[in-house]
């Protein structure tokens, strides 16, 4: 069994723009022991969807924020289109890699920093005015290498551990953290009376699209959506520190698309406290998750587990390995408790 930190770094290094998630799909099909299958939209399912047992679904989206090739100039500069939430300040001067879907080639480049005279220095440069320099002499040279409009472009980074070995620094921790958690639980937990369904969804960053399809397929009795959000324990991140790294997963009261089932939340809290697993309350006031789609499909009890991650939607995010392990431990304990009889959430 692969260690959690090594699995997360492996998944972080893969590239999966919404609609182009094949690298993560293939990895999870190999990593997760139970037989999985993919639907026509690209979602993955691990578990018996036809079982007569109660089904507990674990949702983790496989995609990440990124860009695709929008336009290639005759001089060989590439303008790009963002998918998901990006802030221009984190983009200029960064290294990127484009995956050519025509031949699988990887082309590395740099986002141009732009001359000072072209913009007001106190303002964020619009992404539509940014370009990538791949070191090409012309559009023809890039096209000969395989690059074309629509190819995905993502941060050119490699995951690593912090100096103290306590944290992982890498791209796409939103949401490879959740993919790691879902995979570890599927591989480690065996149940008798409930069926664990692992669900890898696509296109979450493009409007929680995959989960709208997946929720219909799964029709679970209990839905646990695993995601991450920006830690608020850094300077000036919030009026008061919350979503603090090292204090375990957040049990989410609400996000912009869903309200957490309060009975399920209290139940998970009790399981955490009885097993001395760290946890914290959370509220995702700034964004939504797959929970909105899942919850509205059949109205079944749904709850988001949120892992604190610093600097989401950037080239280098940071997560505390202990928070990832605590989330695995808590969800596993909840599943075991439900398998033994648990609680009536109706």
C-alpha atoms as a PDB file:
ATOM      1  CA  UNK A   1       0.000   0.000   0.000  1.00  0.00           C
ATOM      2  CA  UNK A   2       1.398   3.354  -1.031  1.00  0.00           C
ATOM      3  CA  UNK A   3       1.994   5.952   1.693  1.00  0.00           C
ATOM      4  CA  UNK A   4      -0.405   8.896   1.713  1.00  0.00           C
ATOM      5  CA  UNK A   5       2.257  11.551   1.192  1.00  0.00           C
ATOM      6  CA  UNK A   6       3.805   9.717  -1.759  1.00  0.00           C
ATOM      7  CA  UNK A   7       0.402   9.146  -3.348  1.00  0.00           C
ATOM      8  CA  UNK A   8      -0.547  12.803  -3.020  1.00  0.00           C
ATOM      9  CA  UNK A   9       2.700  13.992  -4.592  1.00  0.00           C
ATOM     10  CA  UNK A  10       2.264  11.519  -7.432  1.00  0.00           C
ATOM     11  CA  UNK A  11      -1.241  12.760  -8.163  1.00  0.00           C
ATOM     12  CA  UNK A  12      -0.253  16.420  -7.761  1.00  0.00           C
ATOM     13  CA  UNK A  13       2.253  16.070 -10.587  1.00  0.00           C
ATOM     14  CA  UNK A  14      -0.400  14.908 -13.069  1.00  0.00           C
ATOM     15  CA  UNK A  15      -2.204  17.348 -15.352  1.00  0.00           C
ATOM     16  CA  UNK A  16      -5.997  17.373 -15.631  1.00  0.00           C
ATOM     17  CA  UNK A  17      -7.720  20.424 -17.038  1.00  0.00           C
ATOM     18  CA  UNK A  18     -11.532  20.196 -16.856  1.00  0.00           C
ATOM     19  CA  UNK A  19     -12.600  18.039 -19.787  1.00  0.00           C
ATOM     20  CA  UNK A  20      -9.074  16.602 -20.172  1.00  0.00           C
ATOM     21  CA  UNK A  21      -8.714  14.492 -17.016  1.00  0.00           C
ATOM     22  CA  UNK A  22      -7.288  11.318 -18.573  1.00  0.00           C
ATOM     23  CA  UNK A  23      -3.997  11.347 -16.624  1.00  0.00           C
ATOM     24  CA  UNK A  24      -5.771  11.266 -13.259  1.00  0.00           C
ATOM     25  CA  UNK A  25      -8.430   8.864 -14.504  1.00  0.00           C
ATOM     26  CA  UNK A  26      -5.789   6.364 -15.568  1.00  0.00           C
ATOM     27  CA  UNK A  27      -3.856   6.755 -12.318  1.00  0.00           C
ATOM     28  CA  UNK A  28      -6.874   6.169 -10.077  1.00  0.00           C
ATOM     29  CA  UNK A  29      -7.948   3.135 -12.093  1.00  0.00           C
ATOM     30  CA  UNK A  30      -4.519   1.671 -11.307  1.00  0.00           C
ATOM     31  CA  UNK A  31      -4.245   2.845  -7.690  1.00  0.00           C
ATOM     32  CA  UNK A  32      -7.668   1.828  -6.371  1.00  0.00           C
ATOM     33  CA  UNK A  33      -7.976  -1.908  -5.817  1.00  0.00           C
ATOM     34  CA  UNK A  34     -11.691  -2.374  -6.533  1.00  0.00           C
ATOM     35  CA  UNK A  35     -12.916  -2.591 -10.115  1.00  0.00           C
ATOM     36  CA  UNK A  36     -13.813   0.800 -11.483  1.00  0.00           C
ATOM     37  CA  UNK A  37     -15.590   2.036 -14.556  1.00  0.00           C
ATOM     38  CA  UNK A  38     -15.936   5.311 -16.405  1.00  0.00           C
ATOM     39  CA  UNK A  39     -19.177   6.820 -17.656  1.00  0.00           C
ATOM     40  CA  UNK A  40     -19.582   8.623 -20.965  1.00  0.00           C
ATOM     41  CA  UNK A  41     -18.928  11.989 -19.296  1.00  0.00           C
ATOM     42  CA  UNK A  42     -15.644  10.877 -17.741  1.00  0.00           C
ATOM     43  CA  UNK A  43     -16.632  10.301 -14.099  1.00  0.00           C
ATOM     44  CA  UNK A  44     -15.129   7.250 -12.371  1.00  0.00           C
ATOM     45  CA  UNK A  45     -16.988   4.869 -10.046  1.00  0.00           C
ATOM     46  CA  UNK A  46     -15.434   2.370  -7.644  1.00  0.00           C
ATOM     47  CA  UNK A  47     -17.923   0.041  -5.947  1.00  0.00           C
ATOM     48  CA  UNK A  48     -21.140  -1.847  -6.638  1.00  0.00           C
ATOM     49  CA  UNK A  49     -23.772   0.648  -7.761  1.00  0.00           C
ATOM     50  CA  UNK A  50     -26.428  -2.108  -7.984  1.00  0.00           C
ATOM     51  CA  UNK A  51     -26.044  -3.328  -4.390  1.00  0.00           C
ATOM     52  CA  UNK A  52     -29.043  -3.665  -2.086  1.00  0.00           C
ATOM     53  CA  UNK A  53     -26.911  -2.421   0.812  1.00  0.00           C
ATOM     54  CA  UNK A  54     -26.937   1.181   1.910  1.00  0.00           C
ATOM     55  CA  UNK A  55     -24.479   3.153  -0.179  1.00  0.00           C
ATOM     56  CA  UNK A  56     -22.031   5.723   1.200  1.00  0.00           C
ATOM     57  CA  UNK A  57     -20.542   7.775  -1.624  1.00  0.00           C
ATOM     58  CA  UNK A  58     -17.198   9.567  -1.400  1.00  0.00           C
ATOM     59  CA  UNK A  59     -16.896  12.303  -4.020  1.00  0.00           C
ATOM     60  CA  UNK A  60     -13.547  13.782  -5.131  1.00  0.00           C
ATOM     61  CA  UNK A  61     -13.136  15.872  -8.266  1.00  0.00           C
ATOM     62  CA  UNK A  62     -10.194  14.944 -10.472  1.00  0.00           C
ATOM     63  CA  UNK A  63      -9.759  18.173 -12.433  1.00  0.00           C
ATOM     64  CA  UNK A  64      -7.792  21.297 -11.567  1.00  0.00           C
ATOM     65  CA  UNK A  65      -7.829  24.949 -12.559  1.00  0.00           C
ATOM     66  CA  UNK A  66      -5.720  25.709 -15.591  1.00  0.00           C
ATOM     67  CA  UNK A  67      -5.725  27.133 -19.092  1.00  0.00           C
ATOM     68  CA  UNK A  68      -6.044  26.105 -22.705  1.00  0.00           C
ATOM     69  CA  UNK A  69      -4.508  27.440 -25.888  1.00  0.00           C
ATOM     70  CA  UNK A  70      -6.759  30.175 -27.254  1.00  0.00           C
ATOM     71  CA  UNK A  71      -4.706  31.713 -30.043  1.00  0.00           C
ATOM     72  CA  UNK A  72      -1.244  31.305 -31.555  1.00  0.00           C
ATOM     73  CA  UNK A  73       0.260  34.373 -33.206  1.00  0.00           C
ATOM     74  CA  UNK A  74       2.271  34.147 -36.405  1.00  0.00           C
ATOM     75  CA  UNK A  75       5.351  35.075 -34.331  1.00  0.00           C
ATOM     76  CA  UNK A  76       4.848  32.039 -32.059  1.00  0.00           C
ATOM     77  CA  UNK A  77       3.345  33.603 -28.930  1.00  0.00           C
ATOM     78  CA  UNK A  78       0.390  31.838 -27.324  1.00  0.00           C
ATOM     79  CA  UNK A  79      -2.607  33.542 -25.779  1.00  0.00           C
ATOM     80  CA  UNK A  80      -4.560  31.400 -23.333  1.00  0.00           C
ATOM     81  CA  UNK A  81      -8.002  31.056 -21.758  1.00  0.00           C
ATOM     82  CA  UNK A  82      -8.472  30.333 -18.020  1.00  0.00           C
ATOM     83  CA  UNK A  83     -10.657  27.536 -16.680  1.00  0.00           C
ATOM     84  CA  UNK A  84     -11.582  27.984 -13.016  1.00  0.00           C
ATOM     85  CA  UNK A  85     -10.798  30.868 -10.708  1.00  0.00           C
ATOM     86  CA  UNK A  86      -7.466  32.605 -11.339  1.00  0.00           C
ATOM     87  CA  UNK A  87      -6.004  35.832 -10.019  1.00  0.00           C
ATOM     88  CA  UNK A  88      -3.678  37.574 -12.444  1.00  0.00           C
ATOM     89  CA  UNK A  89      -1.063  38.403  -9.799  1.00  0.00           C
ATOM     90  CA  UNK A  90      -0.030  34.734  -9.508  1.00  0.00           C
ATOM     91  CA  UNK A  91       0.446  34.151 -13.247  1.00  0.00           C
ATOM     92  CA  UNK A  92       2.997  36.554 -14.773  1.00  0.00           C
ATOM     93  CA  UNK A  93       6.518  35.165 -15.130  1.00  0.00           C
ATOM     94  CA  UNK A  94       5.529  31.616 -14.151  1.00  0.00           C
ATOM     95  CA  UNK A  95       6.646  28.447 -15.917  1.00  0.00           C
ATOM     96  CA  UNK A  96       3.975  26.405 -17.685  1.00  0.00           C
ATOM     97  CA  UNK A  97       3.710  23.169 -19.636  1.00  0.00           C
ATOM     98  CA  UNK A  98       1.342  22.481 -22.505  1.00  0.00           C
ATOM     99  CA  UNK A  99       0.237  18.956 -23.388  1.00  0.00           C
ATOM    100  CA  UNK A 100      -0.249  18.452 -27.120  1.00  0.00           C
ATOM    101  CA  UNK A 101      -3.257  16.201 -27.531  1.00  0.00           C
ATOM    102  CA  UNK A 102      -2.219  15.445 -31.110  1.00  0.00           C
ATOM    103  CA  UNK A 103       0.935  13.545 -30.150  1.00  0.00           C
ATOM    104  CA  UNK A 104       1.250  13.683 -26.344  1.00  0.00           C
ATOM    105  CA  UNK A 105       4.289  15.955 -26.427  1.00  0.00           C
ATOM    106  CA  UNK A 106       4.971  18.319 -23.521  1.00  0.00           C
ATOM    107  CA  UNK A 107       6.128  21.838 -24.393  1.00  0.00           C
ATOM    108  CA  UNK A 108       7.482  24.070 -21.643  1.00  0.00           C
ATOM    109  CA  UNK A 109       7.280  27.854 -21.625  1.00  0.00           C
ATOM    110  CA  UNK A 110       7.008  31.027 -19.567  1.00  0.00           C
ATOM    111  CA  UNK A 111       4.171  33.507 -19.143  1.00  0.00           C
ATOM    112  CA  UNK A 112       5.555  36.779 -20.497  1.00  0.00           C
ATOM    113  CA  UNK A 113       6.088  39.501 -17.887  1.00  0.00           C
ATOM    114  CA  UNK A 114       5.091  42.379 -20.252  1.00  0.00           C
ATOM    115  CA  UNK A 115       6.846  45.757 -20.558  1.00  0.00           C
ATOM    116  CA  UNK A 116       6.204  48.230 -17.720  1.00  0.00           C
ATOM    117  CA  UNK A 117       5.058  50.874 -20.167  1.00  0.00           C
ATOM    118  CA  UNK A 118       2.061  48.831 -21.301  1.00  0.00           C
ATOM    119  CA  UNK A 119       0.175  48.671 -17.995  1.00  0.00           C
ATOM    120  CA  UNK A 120      -0.535  50.605 -14.818  1.00  0.00           C
ATOM    121  CA  UNK A 121       1.724  48.941 -12.269  1.00  0.00           C
ATOM    122  CA  UNK A 122      -0.813  49.177  -9.438  1.00  0.00           C
ATOM    123  CA  UNK A 123      -3.435  47.188 -11.369  1.00  0.00           C
ATOM    124  CA  UNK A 124      -3.773  43.457 -12.048  1.00  0.00           C
ATOM    125  CA  UNK A 125      -2.999  42.671 -15.682  1.00  0.00           C
ATOM    126  CA  UNK A 126      -6.039  41.082 -17.394  1.00  0.00           C
ATOM    127  CA  UNK A 127      -5.418  37.427 -18.244  1.00  0.00           C
ATOM    128  CA  UNK A 128      -6.714  38.073 -21.746  1.00  0.00           C
ATOM    129  CA  UNK A 129      -3.664  40.285 -22.359  1.00  0.00           C
ATOM    130  CA  UNK A 130      -1.117  37.751 -21.128  1.00  0.00           C
ATOM    131  CA  UNK A 131       0.773  35.416 -23.445  1.00  0.00           C
ATOM    132  CA  UNK A 132       3.103  32.433 -23.181  1.00  0.00           C
ATOM    133  CA  UNK A 133       6.567  32.361 -24.707  1.00  0.00           C
ATOM    134  CA  UNK A 134       7.579  28.802 -25.581  1.00  0.00           C
ATOM    135  CA  UNK A 135      10.799  29.972 -27.190  1.00  0.00           C
ATOM    136  CA  UNK A 136       9.370  29.328 -30.646  1.00  0.00           C
ATOM    137  CA  UNK A 137      10.288  31.319 -33.737  1.00  0.00           C
ATOM    138  CA  UNK A 138       6.870  31.041 -35.353  1.00  0.00           C
ATOM    139  CA  UNK A 139       3.359  29.598 -35.272  1.00  0.00           C
ATOM    140  CA  UNK A 140       4.464  26.986 -37.798  1.00  0.00           C
ATOM    141  CA  UNK A 141       7.187  25.752 -35.452  1.00  0.00           C
ATOM    142  CA  UNK A 142       4.703  25.253 -32.611  1.00  0.00           C
ATOM    143  CA  UNK A 143       2.198  23.537 -34.863  1.00  0.00           C
ATOM    144  CA  UNK A 144       4.912  21.216 -36.142  1.00  0.00           C
ATOM    145  CA  UNK A 145       5.628  20.277 -32.518  1.00  0.00           C
ATOM    146  CA  UNK A 146       1.956  19.337 -32.127  1.00  0.00           C
ATOM    147  CA  UNK A 147       0.483  22.368 -30.350  1.00  0.00           C
ATOM    148  CA  UNK A 148      -3.021  23.418 -31.335  1.00  0.00           C
ATOM    149  CA  UNK A 149      -5.926  25.467 -30.047  1.00  0.00           C
ATOM    150  CA  UNK A 150      -7.613  23.747 -27.080  1.00  0.00           C
ATOM    151  CA  UNK A 151      -4.495  22.012 -25.713  1.00  0.00           C
ATOM    152  CA  UNK A 152      -4.264  22.207 -21.929  1.00  0.00           C
ATOM    153  CA  UNK A 153      -1.707  24.410 -20.211  1.00  0.00           C
ATOM    154  CA  UNK A 154      -0.863  23.953 -16.541  1.00  0.00           C
ATOM    155  CA  UNK A 155       1.742  25.098 -13.994  1.00  0.00           C
ATOM    156  CA  UNK A 156       5.103  23.462 -14.627  1.00  0.00           C
ATOM    157  CA  UNK A 157       5.864  22.325 -11.091  1.00  0.00           C
ATOM    158  CA  UNK A 158       6.818  19.178  -9.190  1.00  0.00           C
ATOM    159  CA  UNK A 159       5.447  18.391  -5.748  1.00  0.00           C
ATOM    160  CA  UNK A 160       7.854  18.215  -2.818  1.00  0.00           C
ATOM    161  CA  UNK A 161       7.900  18.168   0.960  1.00  0.00           C
ATOM    162  CA  UNK A 162       8.630  21.185   3.117  1.00  0.00           C
ATOM    163  CA  UNK A 163      11.972  21.383   4.921  1.00  0.00           C
ATOM    164  CA  UNK A 164      10.434  19.893   8.094  1.00  0.00           C
ATOM    165  CA  UNK A 165       8.744  17.063   6.187  1.00  0.00           C
ATOM    166  CA  UNK A 166       5.357  18.065   7.641  1.00  0.00           C
ATOM    167  CA  UNK A 167       3.758  19.632   4.581  1.00  0.00           C
ATOM    168  CA  UNK A 168       3.474  19.050   0.851  1.00  0.00           C
ATOM    169  CA  UNK A 169       4.010  21.884  -1.615  1.00  0.00           C
ATOM    170  CA  UNK A 170       2.617  21.403  -5.106  1.00  0.00           C
ATOM    171  CA  UNK A 171       0.066  22.309  -7.724  1.00  0.00           C
ATOM    172  CA  UNK A 172      -3.470  20.914  -8.060  1.00  0.00           C
ATOM    173  CA  UNK A 173      -3.887  20.157  -4.359  1.00  0.00           C
ATOM    174  CA  UNK A 174      -7.405  21.274  -5.232  1.00  0.00           C
ATOM    175  CA  UNK A 175      -8.404  18.539  -5.545  1.00  0.00           C
ATOM    176  CA  UNK A 176      -5.741  15.801  -5.608  1.00  0.00           C
ATOM    177  CA  UNK A 177      -5.921  15.947  -1.805  1.00  0.00           C
ATOM    178  CA  UNK A 178      -9.465  14.582  -2.067  1.00  0.00           C
ATOM    179  CA  UNK A 179      -8.501  12.010  -4.706  1.00  0.00           C
ATOM    180  CA  UNK A 180      -5.800  10.759  -2.349  1.00  0.00           C
ATOM    181  CA  UNK A 181      -8.214  10.552   0.583  1.00  0.00           C
ATOM    182  CA  UNK A 182     -10.879   8.735  -1.441  1.00  0.00           C
ATOM    183  CA  UNK A 183      -8.353   6.247  -2.847  1.00  0.00           C
ATOM    184  CA  UNK A 184      -6.836   5.451   0.553  1.00  0.00           C
ATOM    185  CA  UNK A 185     -10.237   4.879   2.146  1.00  0.00           C
ATOM    186  CA  UNK A 186     -11.379   2.625  -0.704  1.00  0.00           C
ATOM    187  CA  UNK A 187      -8.212   0.557  -0.390  1.00  0.00           C
ATOM    188  CA  UNK A 188      -8.124   0.380   3.413  1.00  0.00           C
ATOM    189  CA  UNK A 189     -11.719   0.025   4.641  1.00  0.00           C
ATOM    190  CA  UNK A 190     -13.719  -3.181   4.369  1.00  0.00           C
ATOM    191  CA  UNK A 191     -17.412  -3.194   5.293  1.00  0.00           C
ATOM    192  CA  UNK A 192     -20.156  -5.778   5.717  1.00  0.00           C
ATOM    193  CA  UNK A 193     -23.450  -3.899   5.778  1.00  0.00           C
ATOM    194  CA  UNK A 194     -22.770  -0.778   3.705  1.00  0.00           C
ATOM    195  CA  UNK A 195     -21.187  -0.289   0.300  1.00  0.00           C
ATOM    196  CA  UNK A 196     -18.520   2.389  -0.138  1.00  0.00           C
ATOM    197  CA  UNK A 197     -18.733   4.022  -3.564  1.00  0.00           C
ATOM    198  CA  UNK A 198     -15.708   6.041  -4.572  1.00  0.00           C
ATOM    199  CA  UNK A 199     -16.558   8.683  -7.170  1.00  0.00           C
ATOM    200  CA  UNK A 200     -14.014  10.671  -9.149  1.00  0.00           C
ATOM    201  CA  UNK A 201     -15.841  13.538 -10.812  1.00  0.00           C
ATOM    202  CA  UNK A 202     -14.819  15.654 -13.790  1.00  0.00           C
ATOM    203  CA  UNK A 203     -15.231  19.331 -14.624  1.00  0.00           C
ATOM    204  CA  UNK A 204     -15.894  20.551 -11.072  1.00  0.00           C
ATOM    205  CA  UNK A 205     -13.840  23.673 -11.695  1.00  0.00           C
ATOM    206  CA  UNK A 206     -15.964  24.413 -14.772  1.00  0.00           C
ATOM    207  CA  UNK A 207     -19.253  24.531 -12.849  1.00  0.00           C
ATOM    208  CA  UNK A 208     -19.542  21.220 -10.898  1.00  0.00           C
ATOM    209  CA  UNK A 209     -20.602  19.571 -14.136  1.00  0.00           C
ATOM    210  CA  UNK A 210     -19.482  15.971 -13.613  1.00  0.00           C
ATOM    211  CA  UNK A 211     -21.235  15.573 -10.284  1.00  0.00           C
ATOM    212  CA  UNK A 212     -24.573  16.406 -11.888  1.00  0.00           C
ATOM    213  CA  UNK A 213     -24.185  13.249 -13.968  1.00  0.00           C
ATOM    214  CA  UNK A 214     -22.552  11.136 -11.247  1.00  0.00           C
ATOM    215  CA  UNK A 215     -25.195  11.769  -8.589  1.00  0.00           C
ATOM    216  CA  UNK A 216     -27.830  10.195 -10.821  1.00  0.00           C
ATOM    217  CA  UNK A 217     -25.681   7.128 -11.370  1.00  0.00           C
ATOM    218  CA  UNK A 218     -24.760   6.581  -7.720  1.00  0.00           C
ATOM    219  CA  UNK A 219     -28.028   7.379  -5.912  1.00  0.00           C
ATOM    220  CA  UNK A 220     -26.297   6.995  -2.545  1.00  0.00           C
ATOM    221  CA  UNK A 221     -27.953   6.997   0.871  1.00  0.00           C
ATOM    222  CA  UNK A 222     -25.215   9.201   2.357  1.00  0.00           C
ATOM    223  CA  UNK A 223     -22.950  11.528   0.376  1.00  0.00           C
ATOM    224  CA  UNK A 224     -19.566  12.734   1.599  1.00  0.00           C
ATOM    225  CA  UNK A 225     -17.967  15.334  -0.647  1.00  0.00           C
ATOM    226  CA  UNK A 226     -14.251  15.820  -0.045  1.00  0.00           C
ATOM    227  CA  UNK A 227     -12.673  19.110  -1.079  1.00  0.00           C
ATOM    228  CA  UNK A 228     -10.207  21.778   0.005  1.00  0.00           C
ATOM    229  CA  UNK A 229     -10.318  25.532   0.592  1.00  0.00           C
ATOM    230  CA  UNK A 230      -7.875  28.330   1.305  1.00  0.00           C
ATOM    231  CA  UNK A 231      -6.484  28.227   4.817  1.00  0.00           C
ATOM    232  CA  UNK A 232      -7.253  31.401   6.750  1.00  0.00           C
ATOM    233  CA  UNK A 233      -4.310  31.086   9.122  1.00  0.00           C
ATOM    234  CA  UNK A 234      -1.840  33.226   7.165  1.00  0.00           C
ATOM    235  CA  UNK A 235      -1.166  36.978   7.601  1.00  0.00           C
ATOM    236  CA  UNK A 236      -4.151  39.148   6.599  1.00  0.00           C
ATOM    237  CA  UNK A 237      -6.046  36.177   5.172  1.00  0.00           C
ATOM    238  CA  UNK A 238      -9.049  36.830   7.421  1.00  0.00           C
ATOM    239  CA  UNK A 239     -10.226  39.007  10.300  1.00  0.00           C
ATOM    240  CA  UNK A 240      -9.584  36.066  12.606  1.00  0.00           C
ATOM    241  CA  UNK A 241      -7.756  32.767  11.949  1.00  0.00           C
ATOM    242  CA  UNK A 242      -9.944  29.859  10.904  1.00  0.00           C
ATOM    243  CA  UNK A 243      -9.602  26.848   8.633  1.00  0.00           C
ATOM    244  CA  UNK A 244      -6.313  26.326  10.402  1.00  0.00           C
ATOM    245  CA  UNK A 245      -3.703  23.877   9.169  1.00  0.00           C
ATOM    246  CA  UNK A 246      -2.864  21.146  11.629  1.00  0.00           C
ATOM    247  CA  UNK A 247      -6.310  21.141  13.248  1.00  0.00           C
ATOM    248  CA  UNK A 248      -7.888  18.527  11.013  1.00  0.00           C
ATOM    249  CA  UNK A 249     -10.641  18.627   8.410  1.00  0.00           C
ATOM    250  CA  UNK A 250     -13.446  21.127   8.448  1.00  0.00           C
ATOM    251  CA  UNK A 251     -17.023  19.894   8.738  1.00  0.00           C
ATOM    252  CA  UNK A 252     -18.765  22.325   6.437  1.00  0.00           C
ATOM    253  CA  UNK A 253     -21.968  23.954   7.645  1.00  0.00           C
ATOM    254  CA  UNK A 254     -22.635  25.507   4.251  1.00  0.00           C
ATOM    255  CA  UNK A 255     -21.116  26.636   0.977  1.00  0.00           C
ATOM    256  CA  UNK A 256     -22.622  28.772  -1.787  1.00  0.00           C
ATOM    257  CA  UNK A 257     -24.421  25.788  -3.319  1.00  0.00           C
ATOM    258  CA  UNK A 258     -25.353  23.501  -0.413  1.00  0.00           C
ATOM    259  CA  UNK A 259     -26.213  23.272   3.260  1.00  0.00           C
ATOM    260  CA  UNK A 260     -24.547  20.492   5.200  1.00  0.00           C
ATOM    261  CA  UNK A 261     -26.922  17.950   6.732  1.00  0.00           C
ATOM    262  CA  UNK A 262     -26.778  19.009  10.362  1.00  0.00           C
ATOM    263  CA  UNK A 263     -27.565  15.543  11.760  1.00  0.00           C
ATOM    264  CA  UNK A 264     -24.761  14.022   9.714  1.00  0.00           C
ATOM    265  CA  UNK A 265     -22.420  16.843  10.734  1.00  0.00           C
ATOM    266  CA  UNK A 266     -23.147  16.315  14.433  1.00  0.00           C
ATOM    267  CA  UNK A 267     -22.698  12.578  14.005  1.00  0.00           C
ATOM    268  CA  UNK A 268     -19.287  13.041  12.380  1.00  0.00           C
ATOM    269  CA  UNK A 269     -18.336  15.461  15.148  1.00  0.00           C
ATOM    270  CA  UNK A 270     -19.247  12.898  17.807  1.00  0.00           C
ATOM    271  CA  UNK A 271     -17.257  10.180  16.021  1.00  0.00           C
ATOM    272  CA  UNK A 272     -14.264  12.520  15.805  1.00  0.00           C
ATOM    273  CA  UNK A 273     -14.386  13.414  19.483  1.00  0.00           C
ATOM    274  CA  UNK A 274     -14.882   9.829  20.637  1.00  0.00           C
ATOM    275  CA  UNK A 275     -11.843   8.776  18.585  1.00  0.00           C
ATOM    276  CA  UNK A 276      -9.768  11.872  19.483  1.00  0.00           C
ATOM    277  CA  UNK A 277      -9.460  12.907  15.839  1.00  0.00           C
ATOM    278  CA  UNK A 278      -8.920  16.652  15.255  1.00  0.00           C
ATOM    279  CA  UNK A 279     -11.665  18.524  13.402  1.00  0.00           C
ATOM    280  CA  UNK A 280     -13.011  22.058  13.030  1.00  0.00           C
ATOM    281  CA  UNK A 281     -16.171  23.771  11.852  1.00  0.00           C
ATOM    282  CA  UNK A 282     -16.027  25.364   8.423  1.00  0.00           C
ATOM    283  CA  UNK A 283     -18.085  27.665   6.221  1.00  0.00           C
ATOM    284  CA  UNK A 284     -17.267  28.120   2.523  1.00  0.00           C
ATOM    285  CA  UNK A 285     -18.794  31.527   1.934  1.00  0.00           C
ATOM    286  CA  UNK A 286     -16.834  32.230  -1.227  1.00  0.00           C
ATOM    287  CA  UNK A 287     -17.466  29.208  -3.424  1.00  0.00           C
ATOM    288  CA  UNK A 288     -19.348  26.001  -4.110  1.00  0.00           C
ATOM    289  CA  UNK A 289     -18.519  22.303  -4.310  1.00  0.00           C
ATOM    290  CA  UNK A 290     -19.931  19.158  -5.865  1.00  0.00           C
ATOM    291  CA  UNK A 291     -22.247  18.973  -2.847  1.00  0.00           C
ATOM    292  CA  UNK A 292     -24.759  21.309  -4.487  1.00  0.00           C
ATOM    293  CA  UNK A 293     -25.317  18.951  -7.418  1.00  0.00           C
ATOM    294  CA  UNK A 294     -25.207  15.801  -5.304  1.00  0.00           C
ATOM    295  CA  UNK A 295     -27.563  17.046  -2.601  1.00  0.00           C
ATOM    296  CA  UNK A 296     -30.221  18.206  -5.039  1.00  0.00           C
ATOM    297  CA  UNK A 297     -30.312  14.952  -7.011  1.00  0.00           C
ATOM    298  CA  UNK A 298     -32.332  13.044  -4.391  1.00  0.00           C
ATOM    299  CA  UNK A 299     -32.082  15.134  -1.234  1.00  0.00           C
ATOM    300  CA  UNK A 300     -30.069  12.497   0.639  1.00  0.00           C
ATOM    301  CA  UNK A 301     -27.871  13.495   3.611  1.00  0.00           C
ATOM    302  CA  UNK A 302     -24.800  15.267   2.275  1.00  0.00           C
ATOM    303  CA  UNK A 303     -21.768  16.762   4.003  1.00  0.00           C
ATOM    304  CA  UNK A 304     -18.542  18.369   2.806  1.00  0.00           C
ATOM    305  CA  UNK A 305     -15.229  17.528   4.476  1.00  0.00           C
ATOM    306  CA  UNK A 306     -12.845  20.402   3.762  1.00  0.00           C
ATOM    307  CA  UNK A 307      -9.061  20.152   4.140  1.00  0.00           C
ATOM    308  CA  UNK A 308      -7.226  23.471   4.727  1.00  0.00           C
ATOM    309  CA  UNK A 309      -4.865  24.271   1.858  1.00  0.00           C
ATOM    310  CA  UNK A 310      -2.881  27.486   1.619  1.00  0.00           C
ATOM    311  CA  UNK A 311      -2.673  29.344  -1.692  1.00  0.00           C
ATOM    312  CA  UNK A 312      -5.274  27.396  -3.687  1.00  0.00           C
ATOM    313  CA  UNK A 313      -5.512  28.037  -7.415  1.00  0.00           C
ATOM    314  CA  UNK A 314      -1.867  28.968  -7.770  1.00  0.00           C
ATOM    315  CA  UNK A 315       1.423  27.428  -8.869  1.00  0.00           C
ATOM    316  CA  UNK A 316       2.348  26.250  -5.365  1.00  0.00           C
ATOM    317  CA  UNK A 317      -0.208  25.279  -2.712  1.00  0.00           C
ATOM    318  CA  UNK A 318       0.615  23.894   0.736  1.00  0.00           C
ATOM    319  CA  UNK A 319      -1.173  21.209   2.729  1.00  0.00           C
ATOM    320  CA  UNK A 320      -0.373  19.690   6.120  1.00  0.00           C
ATOM    321  CA  UNK A 321       0.089  15.928   5.757  1.00  0.00           C
ATOM    322  CA  UNK A 322      -1.448  15.425   9.213  1.00  0.00           C
ATOM    323  CA  UNK A 323      -4.681  17.072   8.036  1.00  0.00           C
ATOM    324  CA  UNK A 324      -4.883  14.669   5.101  1.00  0.00           C
ATOM    325  CA  UNK A 325      -4.299  11.688   7.386  1.00  0.00           C
ATOM    326  CA  UNK A 326      -6.836  12.991   9.919  1.00  0.00           C
ATOM    327  CA  UNK A 327      -9.465  13.267   7.189  1.00  0.00           C
ATOM    328  CA  UNK A 328      -8.819   9.684   6.122  1.00  0.00           C
ATOM    329  CA  UNK A 329      -9.027   8.579   9.751  1.00  0.00           C
ATOM    330  CA  UNK A 330     -12.253  10.458  10.474  1.00  0.00           C
ATOM    331  CA  UNK A 331     -14.167   9.416   7.352  1.00  0.00           C
ATOM    332  CA  UNK A 332     -13.017   5.828   7.920  1.00  0.00           C
ATOM    333  CA  UNK A 333     -14.252   5.937  11.523  1.00  0.00           C
ATOM    334  CA  UNK A 334     -17.604   7.351  10.392  1.00  0.00           C
ATOM    335  CA  UNK A 335     -17.993   4.586   7.799  1.00  0.00           C
ATOM    336  CA  UNK A 336     -17.126   1.883  10.344  1.00  0.00           C
ATOM    337  CA  UNK A 337     -19.646   3.321  12.781  1.00  0.00           C
ATOM    338  CA  UNK A 338     -22.358   3.422  10.112  1.00  0.00           C
ATOM    339  CA  UNK A 339     -21.484  -0.126   9.105  1.00  0.00           C
ATOM    340  CA  UNK A 340     -22.100  -1.208  12.708  1.00  0.00           C
ATOM    341  CA  UNK A 341     -25.539   0.385  12.815  1.00  0.00           C
ATOM    342  CA  UNK A 342     -24.751   4.054  13.010  1.00  0.00           C
ATOM    343  CA  UNK A 343     -27.581   6.536  13.159  1.00  0.00           C
ATOM    344  CA  UNK A 344     -30.916   7.149  11.468  1.00  0.00           C
ATOM    345  CA  UNK A 345     -30.477  10.338   9.456  1.00  0.00           C
ATOM    346  CA  UNK A 346     -34.009  10.470   8.071  1.00  0.00           C
END
